[in-house]
Amino acid sequence: MTEPVVYFEDLRIGDLHTTAARTITESDVALFAGLSGDYNSLHVDDEYASRSPFGRRIAHGLLVLSISSGLTTQLPTMHALQPALLGMLQASATFKAPVYIGDTIHVELEVTDKRVTSAGDRGVVFETRRTMNQSGKLVLESEWRVMVACRPDPNG
């Protein structure tokens, strides 16, 4: 049996989806530093970070953004949207608070706007994604624009 596909028309302004949670680990930070080449002392040097305003090492902001993005792809709605998802157009992020090794984050995704393109066969969906830590504190707020196909005309 084929899973139902979510199209542009199926998304509603105000739709709110909450992801599962994920803990940021020492391995995440070390692997991201190696992958990105970002060995900033705030992320990889205990001694240096202990003297910083944070008092200890923090996760890379882009690591938190990447994990947040990954968490949203696991939402059932996003699985159903996958066949109609034509691409990411834009993303912007505001880092609100540090994320420490051992913090557990989840994301609240809200559809904030949507507009059909002039071609009429697709639309732009505007999302606000709020990443929260285990205490409910907002650590990252990001705005996303994605292109989504409209439901195909059954009459061709």
C-alpha atoms as a PDB file:
ATOM      1  CA  MET A   1       0.000   0.000   0.000  1.00  0.00           C
ATOM      2  CA  THR A   2       1.308   3.424  -0.962  1.00  0.00           C
ATOM      3  CA  GLU A   3       1.733   6.041   1.755  1.00  0.00           C
ATOM      4  CA  PRO A   4      -0.313   9.216   1.222  1.00  0.00           C
ATOM      5  CA  VAL A   5       1.617  12.189  -0.118  1.00  0.00           C
ATOM      6  CA  VAL A   6       1.299  15.653   1.411  1.00  0.00           C
ATOM      7  CA  TYR A   7       1.179  18.453  -1.181  1.00  0.00           C
ATOM      8  CA  PHE A   8       1.250  22.231  -0.956  1.00  0.00           C
ATOM      9  CA  GLU A   9      -2.546  22.387  -0.573  1.00  0.00           C
ATOM     10  CA  ASP A  10      -2.443  20.060   2.441  1.00  0.00           C
ATOM     11  CA  LEU A  11      -0.238  22.341   4.527  1.00  0.00           C
ATOM     12  CA  ARG A  12      -2.098  24.878   6.645  1.00  0.00           C
ATOM     13  CA  ILE A  13      -0.846  28.120   8.126  1.00  0.00           C
ATOM     14  CA  GLY A  14      -0.639  27.538  11.860  1.00  0.00           C
ATOM     15  CA  ASP A  15       0.126  23.805  11.571  1.00  0.00           C
ATOM     16  CA  LEU A  16       2.447  22.935  14.462  1.00  0.00           C
ATOM     17  CA  HIS A  17       4.591  19.793  14.662  1.00  0.00           C
ATOM     18  CA  THR A  18       6.913  18.740  17.488  1.00  0.00           C
ATOM     19  CA  THR A  19       9.861  16.443  16.880  1.00  0.00           C
ATOM     20  CA  ALA A  20      11.336  13.738  19.033  1.00  0.00           C
ATOM     21  CA  ALA A  21      14.212  14.793  21.279  1.00  0.00           C
ATOM     22  CA  ARG A  22      17.927  14.138  20.839  1.00  0.00           C
ATOM     23  CA  THR A  23      20.852  14.565  23.214  1.00  0.00           C
ATOM     24  CA  ILE A  24      23.955  16.398  21.969  1.00  0.00           C
ATOM     25  CA  THR A  25      26.975  14.199  22.722  1.00  0.00           C
ATOM     26  CA  GLU A  26      30.721  14.611  22.982  1.00  0.00           C
ATOM     27  CA  SER A  27      30.990  12.515  19.808  1.00  0.00           C
ATOM     28  CA  ASP A  28      28.633  14.861  17.941  1.00  0.00           C
ATOM     29  CA  VAL A  29      30.858  17.842  18.740  1.00  0.00           C
ATOM     30  CA  ALA A  30      34.109  16.021  17.921  1.00  0.00           C
ATOM     31  CA  LEU A  31      32.776  14.599  14.654  1.00  0.00           C
ATOM     32  CA  PHE A  32      31.321  17.955  13.586  1.00  0.00           C
ATOM     33  CA  ALA A  33      34.628  19.701  14.327  1.00  0.00           C
ATOM     34  CA  GLY A  34      36.385  17.172  12.105  1.00  0.00           C
ATOM     35  CA  LEU A  35      33.791  17.321   9.353  1.00  0.00           C
ATOM     36  CA  SER A  36      33.535  21.117   9.262  1.00  0.00           C
ATOM     37  CA  GLY A  37      37.115  21.976  10.192  1.00  0.00           C
ATOM     38  CA  ASP A  38      35.762  24.240  12.947  1.00  0.00           C
ATOM     39  CA  TYR A  39      38.076  23.615  15.876  1.00  0.00           C
ATOM     40  CA  ASN A  40      37.144  26.812  17.718  1.00  0.00           C
ATOM     41  CA  SER A  41      38.353  26.488  21.298  1.00  0.00           C
ATOM     42  CA  LEU A  42      34.845  27.103  22.673  1.00  0.00           C
ATOM     43  CA  HIS A  43      33.884  23.738  21.193  1.00  0.00           C
ATOM     44  CA  VAL A  44      36.964  21.554  21.632  1.00  0.00           C
ATOM     45  CA  ASP A  45      39.125  22.909  24.469  1.00  0.00           C
ATOM     46  CA  ASP A  46      37.865  22.282  28.026  1.00  0.00           C
ATOM     47  CA  GLU A  47      40.431  24.578  29.637  1.00  0.00           C
ATOM     48  CA  TYR A  48      39.767  27.491  27.300  1.00  0.00           C
ATOM     49  CA  ALA A  49      35.984  27.093  27.460  1.00  0.00           C
ATOM     50  CA  SER A  50      36.058  26.951  31.274  1.00  0.00           C
ATOM     51  CA  ARG A  51      37.360  30.539  31.258  1.00  0.00           C
ATOM     52  CA  SER A  52      34.752  31.727  28.739  1.00  0.00           C
ATOM     53  CA  PRO A  53      31.438  33.368  29.659  1.00  0.00           C
ATOM     54  CA  PHE A  54      29.822  29.953  29.080  1.00  0.00           C
ATOM     55  CA  GLY A  55      31.969  28.223  31.721  1.00  0.00           C
ATOM     56  CA  ARG A  56      32.286  25.062  29.657  1.00  0.00           C
ATOM     57  CA  ARG A  57      32.326  23.858  26.071  1.00  0.00           C
ATOM     58  CA  ILE A  58      29.350  24.580  23.836  1.00  0.00           C
ATOM     59  CA  ALA A  59      28.133  22.814  20.724  1.00  0.00           C
ATOM     60  CA  HIS A  60      28.723  24.474  17.367  1.00  0.00           C
ATOM     61  CA  GLY A  61      25.737  26.591  16.337  1.00  0.00           C
ATOM     62  CA  LEU A  62      25.722  24.998  12.904  1.00  0.00           C
ATOM     63  CA  LEU A  63      25.781  21.553  14.525  1.00  0.00           C
ATOM     64  CA  VAL A  64      22.651  22.456  16.483  1.00  0.00           C
ATOM     65  CA  LEU A  65      21.043  23.814  13.307  1.00  0.00           C
ATOM     66  CA  SER A  66      21.966  20.621  11.412  1.00  0.00           C
ATOM     67  CA  ILE A  67      20.639  18.299  14.107  1.00  0.00           C
ATOM     68  CA  SER A  68      17.476  20.403  14.341  1.00  0.00           C
ATOM     69  CA  SER A  69      17.011  20.041  10.598  1.00  0.00           C
ATOM     70  CA  GLY A  70      17.523  16.294  10.856  1.00  0.00           C
ATOM     71  CA  LEU A  71      14.962  16.016  13.640  1.00  0.00           C
ATOM     72  CA  THR A  72      12.356  17.741  11.475  1.00  0.00           C
ATOM     73  CA  THR A  73      12.949  15.347   8.566  1.00  0.00           C
ATOM     74  CA  GLN A  74      11.830  12.524  10.868  1.00  0.00           C
ATOM     75  CA  LEU A  75       8.382  14.044  11.430  1.00  0.00           C
ATOM     76  CA  PRO A  76       5.591  11.941   9.850  1.00  0.00           C
ATOM     77  CA  THR A  77       4.366  14.997   7.925  1.00  0.00           C
ATOM     78  CA  MET A  78       7.818  15.569   6.484  1.00  0.00           C
ATOM     79  CA  HIS A  79       8.042  11.913   5.404  1.00  0.00           C
ATOM     80  CA  ALA A  80       4.723  12.305   3.608  1.00  0.00           C
ATOM     81  CA  LEU A  81       5.859  15.609   2.086  1.00  0.00           C
ATOM     82  CA  GLN A  82       9.088  14.165   0.684  1.00  0.00           C
ATOM     83  CA  PRO A  83       7.757  13.239  -2.799  1.00  0.00           C
ATOM     84  CA  ALA A  84       6.376  16.775  -3.235  1.00  0.00           C
ATOM     85  CA  LEU A  85       9.352  18.616  -1.759  1.00  0.00           C
ATOM     86  CA  LEU A  86      11.166  20.364  -4.603  1.00  0.00           C
ATOM     87  CA  GLY A  87      13.897  22.040  -2.599  1.00  0.00           C
ATOM     88  CA  MET A  88      15.003  24.402   0.113  1.00  0.00           C
ATOM     89  CA  LEU A  89      15.084  28.017  -1.003  1.00  0.00           C
ATOM     90  CA  GLN A  90      16.303  29.838   2.075  1.00  0.00           C
ATOM     91  CA  ALA A  91      17.149  29.364   5.732  1.00  0.00           C
ATOM     92  CA  SER A  92      18.150  31.876   8.368  1.00  0.00           C
ATOM     93  CA  ALA A  93      19.019  31.202  11.977  1.00  0.00           C
ATOM     94  CA  THR A  94      19.230  33.163  15.197  1.00  0.00           C
ATOM     95  CA  PHE A  95      21.160  31.515  18.004  1.00  0.00           C
ATOM     96  CA  LYS A  96      19.365  32.425  21.231  1.00  0.00           C
ATOM     97  CA  ALA A  97      21.267  30.471  23.899  1.00  0.00           C
ATOM     98  CA  PRO A  98      24.196  28.054  24.104  1.00  0.00           C
ATOM     99  CA  VAL A  99      23.733  24.315  23.760  1.00  0.00           C
ATOM    100  CA  TYR A 100      26.035  22.293  25.980  1.00  0.00           C
ATOM    101  CA  ILE A 101      27.245  18.728  25.594  1.00  0.00           C
ATOM    102  CA  GLY A 102      24.584  16.648  27.329  1.00  0.00           C
ATOM    103  CA  ASP A 103      21.703  18.987  26.488  1.00  0.00           C
ATOM    104  CA  THR A 104      18.655  17.388  24.906  1.00  0.00           C
ATOM    105  CA  ILE A 105      16.913  19.351  22.163  1.00  0.00           C
ATOM    106  CA  HIS A 106      13.689  19.083  20.202  1.00  0.00           C
ATOM    107  CA  VAL A 107      12.111  21.263  17.521  1.00  0.00           C
ATOM    108  CA  GLU A 108       8.704  22.862  17.172  1.00  0.00           C
ATOM    109  CA  LEU A 109       7.978  23.467  13.476  1.00  0.00           C
ATOM    110  CA  GLU A 110       5.207  25.903  12.562  1.00  0.00           C
ATOM    111  CA  VAL A 111       3.897  26.673   9.077  1.00  0.00           C
ATOM    112  CA  THR A 112       3.711  30.475   9.137  1.00  0.00           C
ATOM    113  CA  ASP A 113       2.802  31.333   5.541  1.00  0.00           C
ATOM    114  CA  LYS A 114       2.470  29.854   2.073  1.00  0.00           C
ATOM    115  CA  ARG A 115       2.196  31.288  -1.418  1.00  0.00           C
ATOM    116  CA  VAL A 116       1.521  29.689  -4.774  1.00  0.00           C
ATOM    117  CA  THR A 117       4.091  30.632  -7.421  1.00  0.00           C
ATOM    118  CA  SER A 118       3.126  32.333 -10.682  1.00  0.00           C
ATOM    119  CA  ALA A 119       3.536  28.987 -12.476  1.00  0.00           C
ATOM    120  CA  GLY A 120       0.683  27.640 -10.337  1.00  0.00           C
ATOM    121  CA  ASP A 121       2.075  24.118 -10.042  1.00  0.00           C
ATOM    122  CA  ARG A 122       4.081  24.721  -6.850  1.00  0.00           C
ATOM    123  CA  GLY A 123       4.257  26.989  -3.870  1.00  0.00           C
ATOM    124  CA  VAL A 124       6.615  28.397  -1.283  1.00  0.00           C
ATOM    125  CA  VAL A 125       6.026  27.300   2.300  1.00  0.00           C
ATOM    126  CA  PHE A 126       7.362  29.465   5.129  1.00  0.00           C
ATOM    127  CA  GLU A 127       8.289  27.677   8.343  1.00  0.00           C
ATOM    128  CA  THR A 128       9.488  28.834  11.732  1.00  0.00           C
ATOM    129  CA  ARG A 129      11.476  26.196  13.576  1.00  0.00           C
ATOM    130  CA  ARG A 130      12.091  26.705  17.277  1.00  0.00           C
ATOM    131  CA  THR A 131      14.730  24.490  18.896  1.00  0.00           C
ATOM    132  CA  MET A 132      14.238  24.078  22.626  1.00  0.00           C
ATOM    133  CA  ASN A 133      16.474  22.454  25.250  1.00  0.00           C
ATOM    134  CA  GLN A 134      15.416  20.032  27.978  1.00  0.00           C
ATOM    135  CA  SER A 135      14.338  22.957  30.197  1.00  0.00           C
ATOM    136  CA  GLY A 136      12.061  24.393  27.517  1.00  0.00           C
ATOM    137  CA  LYS A 137      14.482  27.251  26.801  1.00  0.00           C
ATOM    138  CA  LEU A 138      14.604  28.537  23.226  1.00  0.00           C
ATOM    139  CA  VAL A 139      18.162  27.964  21.970  1.00  0.00           C
ATOM    140  CA  LEU A 140      17.699  28.448  18.213  1.00  0.00           C
ATOM    141  CA  GLU A 141      15.050  30.036  16.051  1.00  0.00           C
ATOM    142  CA  SER A 142      15.216  29.513  12.306  1.00  0.00           C
ATOM    143  CA  GLU A 143      13.123  30.596   9.353  1.00  0.00           C
ATOM    144  CA  TRP A 144      12.885  28.306   6.350  1.00  0.00           C
ATOM    145  CA  ARG A 145      11.401  28.633   2.866  1.00  0.00           C
ATOM    146  CA  VAL A 146      10.812  25.445   0.939  1.00  0.00           C
ATOM    147  CA  MET A 147       9.326  24.814  -2.508  1.00  0.00           C
ATOM    148  CA  VAL A 148       6.520  22.247  -2.539  1.00  0.00           C
ATOM    149  CA  ALA A 149       4.630  20.817  -5.504  1.00  0.00           C
ATOM    150  CA  CYS A 150       0.893  21.333  -5.783  1.00  0.00           C
ATOM    151  CA  ARG A 151      -1.339  18.297  -6.104  1.00  0.00           C
ATOM    152  CA  PRO A 152      -1.254  17.068  -9.706  1.00  0.00           C
ATOM    153  CA  ASP A 153      -4.418  17.574 -11.721  1.00  0.00           C
ATOM    154  CA  PRO A 154      -6.002  14.108 -12.040  1.00  0.00           C
ATOM    155  CA  ASN A 155      -7.357  15.156 -15.460  1.00  0.00           C
ATOM    156  CA  GLY A 156      -3.866  15.928 -16.726  1.00  0.00           C
END
